[in-house]
């Protein structure tokens, strides 16, 4: 069985939006000192902070809290179907609001 090289291993938290630094130039290249500028080095972003930021941006906790409150109040026999229906209703409401916004004439 062939062993994976370390250059083929990545952390699960790495993303494709992190671009690797350019290959170092040779010492004979006069621009060698410019290779490691701040823009060419990938910036580390804490996975936890990325997750929290994503959840805040998309109001995930609010959505789950709202669905959970409705489910506990309704106590459905099929909680998964109830959650699916709640999500579908949220999506329909979002689409309706978007359509209403597009139909409103701009005042100016």
Protein backbone atom coordinates (compact mmCIF):
# COMPACT_ATOMS: atom_id res chain seq x y z
CA UNK A 1 0.00 0.00 0.00
CA UNK A 2 1.45 3.37 -0.98
CA UNK A 3 1.79 5.99 1.71
CA UNK A 4 0.38 9.49 1.13
CA UNK A 5 2.97 12.21 1.03
CA UNK A 6 2.60 15.16 3.36
CA UNK A 7 2.13 17.50 0.42
CA UNK A 8 -1.11 15.67 -0.47
CA UNK A 9 -2.58 15.96 3.02
CA UNK A 10 -4.84 18.85 3.93
CA UNK A 11 -6.79 19.78 7.01
CA UNK A 12 -10.55 19.48 6.75
CA UNK A 13 -10.78 23.16 7.64
CA UNK A 14 -8.74 24.28 4.64
CA UNK A 15 -10.64 25.76 1.73
CA UNK A 16 -9.90 26.31 -1.93
CA UNK A 17 -10.10 30.08 -1.47
CA UNK A 18 -6.71 30.02 0.24
CA UNK A 19 -4.17 30.37 -2.52
CA UNK A 20 -0.68 29.04 -1.86
CA UNK A 21 2.25 31.38 -1.88
CA UNK A 22 4.11 31.57 -5.16
CA UNK A 23 7.11 29.29 -5.50
CA UNK A 24 10.22 30.95 -4.12
CA UNK A 25 12.42 32.50 -6.74
CA UNK A 26 16.03 31.54 -6.96
CA UNK A 27 18.57 33.61 -5.08
CA UNK A 28 19.92 34.76 -8.47
CA UNK A 29 16.57 36.41 -9.17
CA UNK A 30 16.70 40.10 -8.16
CA UNK A 31 13.01 40.05 -7.12
CA UNK A 32 13.58 37.28 -4.54
CA UNK A 33 12.95 39.65 -1.63
CA UNK A 34 9.50 40.57 -2.98
CA UNK A 35 8.13 37.00 -3.02
CA UNK A 36 6.88 36.92 0.58
CA UNK A 37 4.73 40.02 0.73
CA UNK A 38 1.57 40.08 2.87
CA UNK A 39 -0.79 39.46 -0.05
CA UNK A 40 0.94 36.27 -1.23
CA UNK A 41 0.80 34.49 2.13
CA UNK A 42 -2.50 32.70 2.87
CA UNK A 43 -4.19 34.15 5.93
CA UNK A 44 -5.25 31.77 8.67
CA UNK A 45 -8.88 32.04 9.70
CA UNK A 46 -10.00 30.17 12.79
CA UNK A 47 -12.53 27.47 11.74
CA UNK A 48 -14.73 28.22 14.75
CA UNK A 49 -14.82 31.93 13.90
CA UNK A 50 -15.61 31.11 10.26
CA UNK A 51 -18.50 28.90 11.38
CA UNK A 52 -19.89 31.52 13.76
CA UNK A 53 -19.59 34.21 11.11
CA UNK A 54 -21.43 32.04 8.57
CA UNK A 55 -24.20 31.21 11.04
CA UNK A 56 -24.64 34.87 11.96
CA UNK A 57 -24.63 35.99 8.32
CA UNK A 58 -27.40 33.54 7.41
CA UNK A 59 -29.34 33.76 10.71
CA UNK A 60 -29.04 29.99 11.20
CA UNK A 61 -29.51 29.99 14.97
CA UNK A 62 -32.58 32.18 14.68
CA UNK A 63 -34.12 29.82 12.10
CA UNK A 64 -33.43 26.73 14.22
CA UNK A 65 -34.75 28.41 17.35
CA UNK A 66 -37.95 29.43 15.58
CA UNK A 67 -38.53 25.96 14.13
CA UNK A 68 -37.78 24.30 17.48
CA UNK A 69 -40.22 26.60 19.31
CA UNK A 70 -42.97 25.81 16.81
CA UNK A 71 -42.23 22.08 17.01
CA UNK A 72 -42.29 21.97 20.83
CA UNK A 73 -45.58 23.84 20.84
CA UNK A 74 -47.18 21.68 18.11
CA UNK A 75 -45.64 18.35 19.24
CA UNK A 76 -46.05 16.69 15.84
CA UNK A 77 -46.01 12.90 15.46
CA UNK A 78 -43.38 13.23 12.71
CA UNK A 79 -40.86 15.89 13.81
CA UNK A 80 -38.71 15.57 10.67
CA UNK A 81 -41.68 16.17 8.39
CA UNK A 82 -42.71 19.09 10.57
CA UNK A 83 -39.23 20.64 10.29
CA UNK A 84 -39.21 20.11 6.53
CA UNK A 85 -42.59 21.80 6.20
CA UNK A 86 -41.40 24.71 8.36
CA UNK A 87 -38.32 25.19 6.16
CA UNK A 88 -40.45 25.02 3.00
CA UNK A 89 -42.79 27.66 4.47
CA UNK A 90 -39.82 29.90 5.31
CA UNK A 91 -38.56 29.57 1.75
CA UNK A 92 -41.99 30.39 0.31
CA UNK A 93 -42.24 33.45 2.57
CA UNK A 94 -38.79 34.60 1.44
CA UNK A 95 -39.74 34.19 -2.24
CA UNK A 96 -43.02 36.07 -1.66
CA UNK A 97 -41.20 38.96 0.04
CA UNK A 98 -38.65 39.11 -2.79
CA UNK A 99 -41.45 39.22 -5.38
CA UNK A 100 -43.20 42.00 -3.46
CA UNK A 101 -39.98 44.02 -3.27
CA UNK A 102 -39.49 43.71 -7.01
CA UNK A 103 -43.07 44.84 -7.72
CA UNK A 104 -42.95 47.96 -5.53
CA UNK A 105 -42.40 51.12 -7.58
CA UNK A 106 -39.34 53.10 -6.59
CA UNK A 107 -40.24 56.52 -5.19
CA UNK A 108 -37.89 59.33 -5.93
